Amino acid sequence: RIADYRDIHSRTGFHVVNEESRTAAAEFIDSIQIAPEFNRYERA
């Protein structure tokens, strides 16, 4: 997930200077049961 990519950049000595992200319609993510291993992530 995007948080993982931010973490990879940070751990490898890089600083994110610009990030432009897109999302899909909220009903798509609301319509599925997320696997427990993804519970550690913020919804955003």
PDB file of all heavy atoms in Angstrom:
ATOM      1  N   ARG A   1       0.853  -1.181   0.000  1.00  0.00           N
ATOM      2  CA  ARG A   1       0.000   0.000   0.000  1.00  0.00           C
ATOM      3  C   ARG A   1       0.891   1.234   0.000  1.00  0.00           C
ATOM      4  O   ARG A   1       2.109   1.154   0.200  1.00  0.00           O
ATOM      5  CB  ARG A   1      -0.961  -0.010   1.197  1.00  0.00           C
ATOM      6  CG  ARG A   1      -1.796  -1.281   1.357  1.00  0.00           C
ATOM      7  CD  ARG A   1      -2.428  -1.834   0.090  1.00  0.00           C
ATOM      8  NE  ARG A   1      -3.278  -0.905  -0.625  1.00  0.00           N
ATOM      9  CZ  ARG A   1      -3.472  -0.946  -1.936  1.00  0.00           C
ATOM     10  NH1 ARG A   1      -2.877  -1.847  -2.686  1.00  0.00           N
ATOM     11  NH2 ARG A   1      -4.247  -0.059  -2.517  1.00  0.00           N
ATOM     12  N   ILE A   2       0.297   2.393  -0.194  1.00  0.00           N
ATOM     13  CA  ILE A   2       1.078   3.623  -0.341  1.00  0.00           C
ATOM     14  C   ILE A   2       1.947   3.883   0.889  1.00  0.00           C
ATOM     15  O   ILE A   2       3.076   4.367   0.762  1.00  0.00           O
ATOM     16  CB  ILE A   2       0.164   4.835  -0.687  1.00  0.00           C
ATOM     17  CG1 ILE A   2       0.992   6.016  -1.187  1.00  0.00           C
ATOM     18  CG2 ILE A   2      -0.712   5.223   0.490  1.00  0.00           C
ATOM     19  CD1 ILE A   2       1.725   5.761  -2.483  1.00  0.00           C
ATOM     20  N   ALA A   3       1.475   3.530   2.064  1.00  0.00           N
ATOM     21  CA  ALA A   3       2.281   3.709   3.282  1.00  0.00           C
ATOM     22  C   ALA A   3       3.557   2.877   3.216  1.00  0.00           C
ATOM     23  O   ALA A   3       4.609   3.299   3.714  1.00  0.00           O
ATOM     24  CB  ALA A   3       1.469   3.333   4.521  1.00  0.00           C
ATOM     25  N   ASP A   4       3.496   1.705   2.595  1.00  0.00           N
ATOM     26  CA  ASP A   4       4.678   0.859   2.440  1.00  0.00           C
ATOM     27  C   ASP A   4       5.709   1.534   1.532  1.00  0.00           C
ATOM     28  O   ASP A   4       6.909   1.495   1.803  1.00  0.00           O
ATOM     29  CB  ASP A   4       4.301  -0.502   1.858  1.00  0.00           C
ATOM     30  CG  ASP A   4       3.342  -1.269   2.747  1.00  0.00           C
ATOM     31  OD1 ASP A   4       3.566  -1.306   3.975  1.00  0.00           O
ATOM     32  OD2 ASP A   4       2.368  -1.826   2.210  1.00  0.00           O
ATOM     33  N   TYR A   5       5.242   2.151   0.453  1.00  0.00           N
ATOM     34  CA  TYR A   5       6.167   2.839  -0.463  1.00  0.00           C
ATOM     35  C   TYR A   5       6.810   4.045   0.226  1.00  0.00           C
ATOM     36  O   TYR A   5       8.003   4.297   0.042  1.00  0.00           O
ATOM     37  CB  TYR A   5       5.452   3.250  -1.752  1.00  0.00           C
ATOM     38  CG  TYR A   5       5.194   2.072  -2.655  1.00  0.00           C
ATOM     39  CD1 TYR A   5       3.950   1.447  -2.682  1.00  0.00           C
ATOM     40  CD2 TYR A   5       6.210   1.565  -3.463  1.00  0.00           C
ATOM     41  CE1 TYR A   5       3.721   0.357  -3.501  1.00  0.00           C
ATOM     42  CE2 TYR A   5       5.985   0.472  -4.284  1.00  0.00           C
ATOM     43  CZ  TYR A   5       4.733  -0.130  -4.296  1.00  0.00           C
ATOM     44  OH  TYR A   5       4.516  -1.225  -5.100  1.00  0.00           O
ATOM     45  N   ARG A   6       6.039   4.777   1.008  1.00  0.00           N
ATOM     46  CA  ARG A   6       6.613   5.900   1.763  1.00  0.00           C
ATOM     47  C   ARG A   6       7.696   5.385   2.710  1.00  0.00           C
ATOM     48  O   ARG A   6       8.763   5.984   2.838  1.00  0.00           O
ATOM     49  CB  ARG A   6       5.530   6.614   2.555  1.00  0.00           C
ATOM     50  CG  ARG A   6       4.538   7.367   1.712  1.00  0.00           C
ATOM     51  CD  ARG A   6       3.483   8.036   2.601  1.00  0.00           C
ATOM     52  NE  ARG A   6       2.362   8.499   1.820  1.00  0.00           N
ATOM     53  CZ  ARG A   6       1.093   8.221   2.079  1.00  0.00           C
ATOM     54  NH1 ARG A   6       0.771   7.466   3.132  1.00  0.00           N
ATOM     55  NH2 ARG A   6       0.142   8.684   1.307  1.00  0.00           N
ATOM     56  N   ASP A   7       7.398   4.288   3.374  1.00  0.00           N
ATOM     57  CA  ASP A   7       8.352   3.694   4.315  1.00  0.00           C
ATOM     58  C   ASP A   7       9.620   3.216   3.604  1.00  0.00           C
ATOM     59  O   ASP A   7      10.729   3.415   4.095  1.00  0.00           O
ATOM     60  CB  ASP A   7       7.679   2.542   5.071  1.00  0.00           C
ATOM     61  CG  ASP A   7       8.590   1.947   6.121  1.00  0.00           C
ATOM     62  OD1 ASP A   7       9.079   2.697   6.989  1.00  0.00           O
ATOM     63  OD2 ASP A   7       8.818   0.720   6.070  1.00  0.00           O
ATOM     64  N   ILE A   8       9.466   2.595   2.447  1.00  0.00           N
ATOM     65  CA  ILE A   8      10.628   2.132   1.677  1.00  0.00           C
ATOM     66  C   ILE A   8      11.515   3.310   1.297  1.00  0.00           C
ATOM     67  O   ILE A   8      12.738   3.247   1.434  1.00  0.00           O
ATOM     68  CB  ILE A   8      10.179   1.346   0.421  1.00  0.00           C
ATOM     69  CG1 ILE A   8       9.572   0.001   0.830  1.00  0.00           C
ATOM     70  CG2 ILE A   8      11.349   1.156  -0.549  1.00  0.00           C
ATOM     71  CD1 ILE A   8       8.829  -0.708  -0.298  1.00  0.00           C
ATOM     72  N   HIS A   9      10.907   4.387   0.842  1.00  0.00           N
ATOM     73  CA  HIS A   9      11.689   5.582   0.506  1.00  0.00           C
ATOM     74  C   HIS A   9      12.459   6.075   1.727  1.00  0.00           C
ATOM     75  O   HIS A   9      13.654   6.350   1.650  1.00  0.00           O
ATOM     76  CB  HIS A   9      10.778   6.700  -0.027  1.00  0.00           C
ATOM     77  CG  HIS A   9      10.458   6.563  -1.471  1.00  0.00           C
ATOM     78  ND1 HIS A   9       9.496   5.711  -1.943  1.00  0.00           N
ATOM     79  CD2 HIS A   9      10.982   7.178  -2.551  1.00  0.00           C
ATOM     80  CE1 HIS A   9       9.441   5.811  -3.255  1.00  0.00           C
ATOM     81  NE2 HIS A   9      10.333   6.691  -3.653  1.00  0.00           N
ATOM     82  N   SER A  10      11.785   6.177   2.829  1.00  0.00           N
ATOM     83  CA  SER A  10      12.412   6.685   4.056  1.00  0.00           C
ATOM     84  C   SER A  10      13.555   5.783   4.522  1.00  0.00           C
ATOM     85  O   SER A  10      14.647   6.266   4.846  1.00  0.00           O
ATOM     86  CB  SER A  10      11.350   6.808   5.151  1.00  0.00           C
ATOM     87  OG  SER A  10      11.924   7.216   6.349  1.00  0.00           O
ATOM     88  N   ARG A  11      13.313   4.483   4.552  1.00  0.00           N
ATOM     89  CA  ARG A  11      14.331   3.532   5.029  1.00  0.00           C
ATOM     90  C   ARG A  11      15.558   3.465   4.131  1.00  0.00           C
ATOM     91  O   ARG A  11      16.637   3.090   4.575  1.00  0.00           O
ATOM     92  CB  ARG A  11      13.729   2.126   5.187  1.00  0.00           C
ATOM     93  CG  ARG A  11      12.830   1.994   6.400  1.00  0.00           C
ATOM     94  CD  ARG A  11      12.370   0.564   6.646  1.00  0.00           C
ATOM     95  NE  ARG A  11      11.461   0.087   5.606  1.00  0.00           N
ATOM     96  CZ  ARG A  11      11.721  -0.934   4.780  1.00  0.00           C
ATOM     97  NH1 ARG A  11      12.837  -1.589   4.857  1.00  0.00           N
ATOM     98  NH2 ARG A  11      10.835  -1.302   3.875  1.00  0.00           N
ATOM     99  N   THR A  12      15.394   3.824   2.867  1.00  0.00           N
ATOM    100  CA  THR A  12      16.522   3.754   1.935  1.00  0.00           C
ATOM    101  C   THR A  12      17.181   5.110   1.698  1.00  0.00           C
ATOM    102  O   THR A  12      17.991   5.261   0.793  1.00  0.00           O
ATOM    103  CB  THR A  12      16.088   3.133   0.595  1.00  0.00           C
ATOM    104  OG1 THR A  12      15.000   3.889   0.048  1.00  0.00           O
ATOM    105  CG2 THR A  12      15.676   1.680   0.775  1.00  0.00           C
ATOM    106  N   GLY A  13      16.833   6.097   2.544  1.00  0.00           N
ATOM    107  CA  GLY A  13      17.518   7.388   2.494  1.00  0.00           C
ATOM    108  C   GLY A  13      16.952   8.395   1.518  1.00  0.00           C
ATOM    109  O   GLY A  13      17.662   9.301   1.096  1.00  0.00           O
ATOM    110  N   PHE A  14      15.680   8.251   1.181  1.00  0.00           N
ATOM    111  CA  PHE A  14      15.036   9.203   0.272  1.00  0.00           C
ATOM    112  C   PHE A  14      13.902   9.932   0.977  1.00  0.00           C
ATOM    113  O   PHE A  14      13.271   9.393   1.884  1.00  0.00           O
ATOM    114  CB  PHE A  14      14.507   8.490  -0.974  1.00  0.00           C
ATOM    115  CG  PHE A  14      15.591   8.062  -1.912  1.00  0.00           C
ATOM    116  CD1 PHE A  14      16.248   6.860  -1.720  1.00  0.00           C
ATOM    117  CD2 PHE A  14      15.973   8.870  -2.971  1.00  0.00           C
ATOM    118  CE1 PHE A  14      17.267   6.458  -2.567  1.00  0.00           C
ATOM    119  CE2 PHE A  14      16.994   8.484  -3.819  1.00  0.00           C
ATOM    120  CZ  PHE A  14      17.649   7.274  -3.618  1.00  0.00           C
ATOM    121  N   HIS A  15      13.667  11.146   0.536  1.00  0.00           N
ATOM    122  CA  HIS A  15      12.602  11.987   1.068  1.00  0.00           C
ATOM    123  C   HIS A  15      11.609  12.248  -0.063  1.00  0.00           C
ATOM    124  O   HIS A  15      11.999  12.706  -1.143  1.00  0.00           O
ATOM    125  CB  HIS A  15      13.182  13.309   1.585  1.00  0.00           C
ATOM    126  CG  HIS A  15      12.144  14.303   1.950  1.00  0.00           C
ATOM    127  ND1 HIS A  15      11.313  14.138   3.036  1.00  0.00           N
ATOM    128  CD2 HIS A  15      11.792  15.474   1.366  1.00  0.00           C
ATOM    129  CE1 HIS A  15      10.498  15.177   3.102  1.00  0.00           C
ATOM    130  NE2 HIS A  15      10.766  16.002   2.112  1.00  0.00           N
ATOM    131  N   VAL A  16      10.341  11.940   0.158  1.00  0.00           N
ATOM    132  CA  VAL A  16       9.311  12.179  -0.852  1.00  0.00           C
ATOM    133  C   VAL A  16       9.049  13.681  -0.902  1.00  0.00           C
ATOM    134  O   VAL A  16       8.662  14.288   0.095  1.00  0.00           O
ATOM    135  CB  VAL A  16       8.018  11.401  -0.535  1.00  0.00           C
ATOM    136  CG1 VAL A  16       6.921  11.753  -1.535  1.00  0.00           C
ATOM    137  CG2 VAL A  16       8.284   9.901  -0.533  1.00  0.00           C
ATOM    138  N   VAL A  17       9.278  14.279  -2.064  1.00  0.00           N
ATOM    139  CA  VAL A  17       9.088  15.724  -2.222  1.00  0.00           C
ATOM    140  C   VAL A  17       7.775  16.057  -2.913  1.00  0.00           C
ATOM    141  O   VAL A  17       7.302  17.189  -2.838  1.00  0.00           O
ATOM    142  CB  VAL A  17      10.272  16.386  -2.965  1.00  0.00           C
ATOM    143  CG1 VAL A  17      11.544  16.287  -2.140  1.00  0.00           C
ATOM    144  CG2 VAL A  17      10.479  15.785  -4.347  1.00  0.00           C
ATOM    145  N   ASN A  18       7.178  15.073  -3.589  1.00  0.00           N
ATOM    146  CA  ASN A  18       5.878  15.288  -4.219  1.00  0.00           C
ATOM    147  C   ASN A  18       5.163  13.945  -4.323  1.00  0.00           C
ATOM    148  O   ASN A  18       5.768  12.939  -4.676  1.00  0.00           O
ATOM    149  CB  ASN A  18       6.022  15.898  -5.615  1.00  0.00           C
ATOM    150  CG  ASN A  18       4.678  16.283  -6.208  1.00  0.00           C
ATOM    151  OD1 ASN A  18       3.875  16.930  -5.566  1.00  0.00           O
ATOM    152  ND2 ASN A  18       4.449  15.881  -7.434  1.00  0.00           N
ATOM    153  N   GLU A  19       3.883  13.965  -3.979  1.00  0.00           N
ATOM    154  CA  GLU A  19       3.064  12.757  -4.102  1.00  0.00           C
ATOM    155  C   GLU A  19       1.680  13.170  -4.559  1.00  0.00           C
ATOM    156  O   GLU A  19       1.051  14.024  -3.929  1.00  0.00           O
ATOM    157  CB  GLU A  19       2.974  12.039  -2.759  1.00  0.00           C
ATOM    158  CG  GLU A  19       2.154  10.779  -2.808  1.00  0.00           C
ATOM    159  CD  GLU A  19       2.005  10.123  -1.438  1.00  0.00           C
ATOM    160  OE1 GLU A  19       2.982  10.112  -0.667  1.00  0.00           O
ATOM    161  OE2 GLU A  19       0.901   9.630  -1.160  1.00  0.00           O
ATOM    162  N   GLU A  20       1.253  12.593  -5.663  1.00  0.00           N
ATOM    163  CA  GLU A  20      -0.099  12.828  -6.163  1.00  0.00           C
ATOM    164  C   GLU A  20      -0.762  11.468  -6.280  1.00  0.00           C
ATOM    165  O   GLU A  20      -0.326  10.628  -7.069  1.00  0.00           O
ATOM    166  CB  GLU A  20      -0.061  13.532  -7.522  1.00  0.00           C
ATOM    167  CG  GLU A  20       0.522  14.923  -7.445  1.00  0.00           C
ATOM    168  CD  GLU A  20       0.613  15.593  -8.806  1.00  0.00           C
ATOM    169  OE1 GLU A  20      -0.131  15.192  -9.738  1.00  0.00           O
ATOM    170  OE2 GLU A  20       1.435  16.516  -8.931  1.00  0.00           O
ATOM    171  N   SER A  21      -1.800  11.267  -5.476  1.00  0.00           N
ATOM    172  CA  SER A  21      -2.443   9.956  -5.421  1.00  0.00           C
ATOM    173  C   SER A  21      -3.903  10.055  -5.836  1.00  0.00           C
ATOM    174  O   SER A  21      -4.557  11.083  -5.638  1.00  0.00           O
ATOM    175  CB  SER A  21      -2.344   9.381  -4.008  1.00  0.00           C
ATOM    176  OG  SER A  21      -0.997   9.142  -3.684  1.00  0.00           O
ATOM    177  N   ARG A  22      -4.392   8.959  -6.388  1.00  0.00           N
ATOM    178  CA  ARG A  22      -5.794   8.845  -6.789  1.00  0.00           C
ATOM    179  C   ARG A  22      -6.437   7.683  -6.051  1.00  0.00           C
ATOM    180  O   ARG A  22      -5.765   6.715  -5.701  1.00  0.00           O
ATOM    181  CB  ARG A  22      -5.915   8.584  -8.288  1.00  0.00           C
ATOM    182  CG  ARG A  22      -5.437   9.715  -9.125  1.00  0.00           C
ATOM    183  CD  ARG A  22      -5.647   9.394 -10.577  1.00  0.00           C
ATOM    184  NE  ARG A  22      -5.063  10.452 -11.377  1.00  0.00           N
ATOM    185  CZ  ARG A  22      -4.959  10.423 -12.676  1.00  0.00           C
ATOM    186  NH1 ARG A  22      -5.407   9.382 -13.340  1.00  0.00           N
ATOM    187  NH2 ARG A  22      -4.421  11.414 -13.334  1.00  0.00           N
ATOM    188  N   THR A  23      -7.733   7.789  -5.880  1.00  0.00           N
ATOM    189  CA  THR A  23      -8.511   6.714  -5.269  1.00  0.00           C
ATOM    190  C   THR A  23      -9.693   6.391  -6.182  1.00  0.00           C
ATOM    191  O   THR A  23     -10.048   7.185  -7.053  1.00  0.00           O
ATOM    192  CB  THR A  23      -9.039   7.110  -3.877  1.00  0.00           C
ATOM    193  OG1 THR A  23      -9.911   8.234  -4.020  1.00  0.00           O
ATOM    194  CG2 THR A  23      -7.902   7.461  -2.935  1.00  0.00           C
ATOM    195  N   ALA A  24     -10.283   5.248  -5.968  1.00  0.00           N
ATOM    196  CA  ALA A  24     -11.504   4.878  -6.690  1.00  0.00           C
ATOM    197  C   ALA A  24     -12.700   5.297  -5.828  1.00  0.00           C
ATOM    198  O   ALA A  24     -12.537   5.765  -4.695  1.00  0.00           O
ATOM    199  CB  ALA A  24     -11.521   3.383  -6.960  1.00  0.00           C
ATOM    200  N   ALA A  25     -13.875   5.112  -6.350  1.00  0.00           N
ATOM    201  CA  ALA A  25     -15.095   5.460  -5.620  1.00  0.00           C
ATOM    202  C   ALA A  25     -15.160   4.701  -4.298  1.00  0.00           C
ATOM    203  O   ALA A  25     -14.818   3.516  -4.231  1.00  0.00           O
ATOM    204  CB  ALA A  25     -16.311   5.150  -6.478  1.00  0.00           C
ATOM    205  N   ALA A  26     -15.582   5.390  -3.253  1.00  0.00           N
ATOM    206  CA  ALA A  26     -15.617   4.825  -1.900  1.00  0.00           C
ATOM    207  C   ALA A  26     -16.446   3.547  -1.813  1.00  0.00           C
ATOM    208  O   ALA A  26     -16.114   2.654  -1.038  1.00  0.00           O
ATOM    209  CB  ALA A  26     -16.141   5.861  -0.918  1.00  0.00           C
ATOM    210  N   GLU A  27     -17.501   3.437  -2.611  1.00  0.00           N
ATOM    211  CA  GLU A  27     -18.350   2.244  -2.508  1.00  0.00           C
ATOM    212  C   GLU A  27     -17.603   0.975  -2.901  1.00  0.00           C
ATOM    213  O   GLU A  27     -17.948  -0.109  -2.458  1.00  0.00           O
ATOM    214  CB  GLU A  27     -19.643   2.378  -3.323  1.00  0.00           C
ATOM    215  CG  GLU A  27     -19.454   2.469  -4.810  1.00  0.00           C
ATOM    216  CD  GLU A  27     -19.458   3.904  -5.335  1.00  0.00           C
ATOM    217  OE1 GLU A  27     -19.351   4.849  -4.537  1.00  0.00           O
ATOM    218  OE2 GLU A  27     -19.565   4.055  -6.557  1.00  0.00           O
ATOM    219  N   PHE A  28     -16.551   1.089  -3.704  1.00  0.00           N
ATOM    220  CA  PHE A  28     -15.766  -0.095  -4.061  1.00  0.00           C
ATOM    221  C   PHE A  28     -15.085  -0.697  -2.842  1.00  0.00           C
ATOM    222  O   PHE A  28     -15.140  -1.891  -2.614  1.00  0.00           O
ATOM    223  CB  PHE A  28     -14.710   0.228  -5.119  1.00  0.00           C
ATOM    224  CG  PHE A  28     -15.259   0.447  -6.494  1.00  0.00           C
ATOM    225  CD1 PHE A  28     -14.880   1.556  -7.214  1.00  0.00           C
ATOM    226  CD2 PHE A  28     -16.135  -0.453  -7.081  1.00  0.00           C
ATOM    227  CE1 PHE A  28     -15.369   1.773  -8.500  1.00  0.00           C
ATOM    228  CE2 PHE A  28     -16.624  -0.253  -8.356  1.00  0.00           C
ATOM    229  CZ  PHE A  28     -16.241   0.874  -9.061  1.00  0.00           C
ATOM    230  N   ILE A  29     -14.438   0.135  -2.057  1.00  0.00           N
ATOM    231  CA  ILE A  29     -13.725  -0.397  -0.885  1.00  0.00           C
ATOM    232  C   ILE A  29     -14.702  -0.751   0.230  1.00  0.00           C
ATOM    233  O   ILE A  29     -14.470  -1.679   0.996  1.00  0.00           O
ATOM    234  CB  ILE A  29     -12.608   0.549  -0.404  1.00  0.00           C
ATOM    235  CG1 ILE A  29     -11.595  -0.235   0.434  1.00  0.00           C
ATOM    236  CG2 ILE A  29     -13.161   1.754   0.322  1.00  0.00           C
ATOM    237  CD1 ILE A  29     -10.263   0.423   0.593  1.00  0.00           C
ATOM    238  N   ASP A  30     -15.828  -0.048   0.281  1.00  0.00           N
ATOM    239  CA  ASP A  30     -16.836  -0.347   1.295  1.00  0.00           C
ATOM    240  C   ASP A  30     -17.561  -1.658   1.014  1.00  0.00           C
ATOM    241  O   ASP A  30     -18.152  -2.236   1.915  1.00  0.00           O
ATOM    242  CB  ASP A  30     -17.871   0.785   1.369  1.00  0.00           C
ATOM    243  CG  ASP A  30     -17.284   2.071   1.908  1.00  0.00           C
ATOM    244  OD1 ASP A  30     -16.244   2.017   2.598  1.00  0.00           O
ATOM    245  OD2 ASP A  30     -17.865   3.142   1.635  1.00  0.00           O
ATOM    246  N   SER A  31     -17.503  -2.131  -0.235  1.00  0.00           N
ATOM    247  CA  SER A  31     -18.276  -3.313  -0.612  1.00  0.00           C
ATOM    248  C   SER A  31     -17.551  -4.633  -0.346  1.00  0.00           C
ATOM    249  O   SER A  31     -18.124  -5.695  -0.557  1.00  0.00           O
ATOM    250  CB  SER A  31     -18.645  -3.235  -2.093  1.00  0.00           C
ATOM    251  OG  SER A  31     -17.487  -3.387  -2.892  1.00  0.00           O
ATOM    252  N   ILE A  32     -16.300  -4.577   0.108  1.00  0.00           N
ATOM    253  CA  ILE A  32     -15.575  -5.824   0.350  1.00  0.00           C
ATOM    254  C   ILE A  32     -15.116  -5.914   1.805  1.00  0.00           C
ATOM    255  O   ILE A  32     -14.947  -4.912   2.481  1.00  0.00           O
ATOM    256  CB  ILE A  32     -14.350  -5.979  -0.582  1.00  0.00           C
ATOM    257  CG1 ILE A  32     -13.344  -4.859  -0.358  1.00  0.00           C
ATOM    258  CG2 ILE A  32     -14.753  -6.065  -2.033  1.00  0.00           C
ATOM    259  CD1 ILE A  32     -12.024  -5.071  -1.065  1.00  0.00           C
ATOM    260  N   GLN A  33     -14.938  -7.142   2.237  1.00  0.00           N
ATOM    261  CA  GLN A  33     -14.380  -7.414   3.563  1.00  0.00           C
ATOM    262  C   GLN A  33     -12.865  -7.469   3.400  1.00  0.00           C
ATOM    263  O   GLN A  33     -12.343  -8.362   2.734  1.00  0.00           O
ATOM    264  CB  GLN A  33     -14.921  -8.734   4.101  1.00  0.00           C
ATOM    265  CG  GLN A  33     -14.375  -9.130   5.445  1.00  0.00           C
ATOM    266  CD  GLN A  33     -14.877  -8.227   6.554  1.00  0.00           C
ATOM    267  OE1 GLN A  33     -16.024  -7.807   6.543  1.00  0.00           O
ATOM    268  NE2 GLN A  33     -14.024  -7.923   7.506  1.00  0.00           N
ATOM    269  N   ILE A  34     -12.170  -6.502   3.965  1.00  0.00           N
ATOM    270  CA  ILE A  34     -10.715  -6.429   3.842  1.00  0.00           C
ATOM    271  C   ILE A  34     -10.080  -7.550   4.675  1.00  0.00           C
ATOM    272  O   ILE A  34     -10.479  -7.782   5.819  1.00  0.00           O
ATOM    273  CB  ILE A  34     -10.196  -5.059   4.329  1.00  0.00           C
ATOM    274  CG1 ILE A  34     -10.847  -3.911   3.543  1.00  0.00           C
ATOM    275  CG2 ILE A  34      -8.675  -4.982   4.264  1.00  0.00           C
ATOM    276  CD1 ILE A  34     -10.489  -3.829   2.100  1.00  0.00           C
ATOM    277  N   ALA A  35      -9.089  -8.232   4.121  1.00  0.00           N
ATOM    278  CA  ALA A  35      -8.377  -9.291   4.852  1.00  0.00           C
ATOM    279  C   ALA A  35      -7.728  -8.707   6.100  1.00  0.00           C
ATOM    280  O   ALA A  35      -7.234  -7.577   6.076  1.00  0.00           O
ATOM    281  CB  ALA A  35      -7.325  -9.939   3.961  1.00  0.00           C
ATOM    282  N   PRO A  36      -7.726  -9.451   7.198  1.00  0.00           N
ATOM    283  CA  PRO A  36      -7.198  -8.943   8.474  1.00  0.00           C
ATOM    284  C   PRO A  36      -5.773  -8.392   8.385  1.00  0.00           C
ATOM    285  O   PRO A  36      -5.434  -7.459   9.101  1.00  0.00           O
ATOM    286  CB  PRO A  36      -7.256 -10.162   9.395  1.00  0.00           C
ATOM    287  CG  PRO A  36      -8.349 -11.009   8.844  1.00  0.00           C
ATOM    288  CD  PRO A  36      -8.286 -10.801   7.354  1.00  0.00           C
ATOM    289  N   GLU A  37      -4.946  -8.927   7.504  1.00  0.00           N
ATOM    290  CA  GLU A  37      -3.567  -8.445   7.427  1.00  0.00           C
ATOM    291  C   GLU A  37      -3.464  -6.997   6.949  1.00  0.00           C
ATOM    292  O   GLU A  37      -2.429  -6.359   7.119  1.00  0.00           O
ATOM    293  CB  GLU A  37      -2.728  -9.347   6.542  1.00  0.00           C
ATOM    294  CG  GLU A  37      -3.173  -9.387   5.107  1.00  0.00           C
ATOM    295  CD  GLU A  37      -2.694 -10.643   4.415  1.00  0.00           C
ATOM    296  OE1 GLU A  37      -3.209 -11.721   4.737  1.00  0.00           O
ATOM    297  OE2 GLU A  37      -1.813 -10.518   3.556  1.00  0.00           O
ATOM    298  N   PHE A  38      -4.547  -6.459   6.392  1.00  0.00           N
ATOM    299  CA  PHE A  38      -4.553  -5.067   5.951  1.00  0.00           C
ATOM    300  C   PHE A  38      -5.172  -4.134   6.985  1.00  0.00           C
ATOM    301  O   PHE A  38      -5.257  -2.923   6.759  1.00  0.00           O
ATOM    302  CB  PHE A  38      -5.278  -4.931   4.613  1.00  0.00           C
ATOM    303  CG  PHE A  38      -4.579  -5.634   3.489  1.00  0.00           C
ATOM    304  CD1 PHE A  38      -5.048  -6.845   3.009  1.00  0.00           C
ATOM    305  CD2 PHE A  38      -3.425  -5.100   2.937  1.00  0.00           C
ATOM    306  CE1 PHE A  38      -4.394  -7.505   1.989  1.00  0.00           C
ATOM    307  CE2 PHE A  38      -2.762  -5.753   1.909  1.00  0.00           C
ATOM    308  CZ  PHE A  38      -3.247  -6.957   1.435  1.00  0.00           C
ATOM    309  N   ASN A  39      -5.582  -4.666   8.128  1.00  0.00           N
ATOM    310  CA  ASN A  39      -6.196  -3.840   9.174  1.00  0.00           C
ATOM    311  C   ASN A  39      -5.248  -2.800   9.757  1.00  0.00           C
ATOM    312  O   ASN A  39      -5.694  -1.822  10.339  1.00  0.00           O
ATOM    313  CB  ASN A  39      -6.753  -4.708  10.305  1.00  0.00           C
ATOM    314  CG  ASN A  39      -7.991  -5.467   9.892  1.00  0.00           C
ATOM    315  OD1 ASN A  39      -8.656  -5.118   8.919  1.00  0.00           O
ATOM    316  ND2 ASN A  39      -8.305  -6.519  10.616  1.00  0.00           N
ATOM    317  N   ARG A  40      -3.959  -2.983   9.598  1.00  0.00           N
ATOM    318  CA  ARG A  40      -2.991  -2.044  10.166  1.00  0.00           C
ATOM    319  C   ARG A  40      -2.897  -0.741   9.380  1.00  0.00           C
ATOM    320  O   ARG A  40      -2.291   0.218   9.825  1.00  0.00           O
ATOM    321  CB  ARG A  40      -1.617  -2.693  10.267  1.00  0.00           C
ATOM    322  CG  ARG A  40      -0.991  -3.049   8.947  1.00  0.00           C
ATOM    323  CD  ARG A  40       0.324  -3.805   9.138  1.00  0.00           C
ATOM    324  NE  ARG A  40       0.927  -4.171   7.896  1.00  0.00           N
ATOM    325  CZ  ARG A  40       1.893  -3.468   7.296  1.00  0.00           C
ATOM    326  NH1 ARG A  40       2.356  -2.374   7.865  1.00  0.00           N
ATOM    327  NH2 ARG A  40       2.395  -3.875   6.160  1.00  0.00           N
ATOM    328  N   TYR A  41      -3.497  -0.701   8.206  1.00  0.00           N
ATOM    329  CA  TYR A  41      -3.433   0.488   7.359  1.00  0.00           C
ATOM    330  C   TYR A  41      -4.593   1.441   7.637  1.00  0.00           C
ATOM    331  O   TYR A  41      -5.711   1.006   7.909  1.00  0.00           O
ATOM    332  CB  TYR A  41      -3.482   0.102   5.882  1.00  0.00           C
ATOM    333  CG  TYR A  41      -2.295  -0.697   5.422  1.00  0.00           C
ATOM    334  CD1 TYR A  41      -2.349  -2.087   5.366  1.00  0.00           C
ATOM    335  CD2 TYR A  41      -1.119  -0.071   5.039  1.00  0.00           C
ATOM    336  CE1 TYR A  41      -1.262  -2.828   4.932  1.00  0.00           C
ATOM    337  CE2 TYR A  41      -0.026  -0.801   4.604  1.00  0.00           C
ATOM    338  CZ  TYR A  41      -0.105  -2.180   4.560  1.00  0.00           C
ATOM    339  OH  TYR A  41       0.973  -2.907   4.137  1.00  0.00           O
ATOM    340  N   GLU A  42      -4.316   2.711   7.506  1.00  0.00           N
ATOM    341  CA  GLU A  42      -5.374   3.718   7.536  1.00  0.00           C
ATOM    342  C   GLU A  42      -6.235   3.527   6.284  1.00  0.00           C
ATOM    343  O   GLU A  42      -5.735   3.126   5.230  1.00  0.00           O
ATOM    344  CB  GLU A  42      -4.778   5.129   7.531  1.00  0.00           C
ATOM    345  CG  GLU A  42      -3.907   5.445   8.722  1.00  0.00           C
ATOM    346  CD  GLU A  42      -4.722   5.599   9.996  1.00  0.00           C
ATOM    347  OE1 GLU A  42      -5.897   6.020   9.910  1.00  0.00           O
ATOM    348  OE2 GLU A  42      -4.177   5.289  11.073  1.00  0.00           O
ATOM    349  N   ARG A  43      -7.498   3.842   6.397  1.00  0.00           N
ATOM    350  CA  ARG A  43      -8.401   3.716   5.243  1.00  0.00           C
ATOM    351  C   ARG A  43      -7.889   4.535   4.054  1.00  0.00           C
ATOM    352  O   ARG A  43      -7.938   4.090   2.918  1.00  0.00           O
ATOM    353  CB  ARG A  43      -9.812   4.150   5.627  1.00  0.00           C
ATOM    354  CG  ARG A  43     -10.780   4.055   4.469  1.00  0.00           C
ATOM    355  CD  ARG A  43     -12.133   4.649   4.841  1.00  0.00           C
ATOM    356  NE  ARG A  43     -12.952   4.838   3.691  1.00  0.00           N
ATOM    357  CZ  ARG A  43     -13.807   3.961   3.216  1.00  0.00           C
ATOM    358  NH1 ARG A  43     -13.930   2.793   3.816  1.00  0.00           N
ATOM    359  NH2 ARG A  43     -14.537   4.215   2.151  1.00  0.00           N
ATOM    360  N   ALA A  44      -7.375   5.731   4.320  1.00  0.00           N
ATOM    361  CA  ALA A  44      -6.861   6.583   3.242  1.00  0.00           C
ATOM    362  C   ALA A  44      -5.714   5.898   2.498  1.00  0.00           C
ATOM    363  O   ALA A  44      -5.593   6.031   1.280  1.00  0.00           O
ATOM    364  CB  ALA A  44      -6.410   7.928   3.801  1.00  0.00           C
TER     365      ALA A  44
END
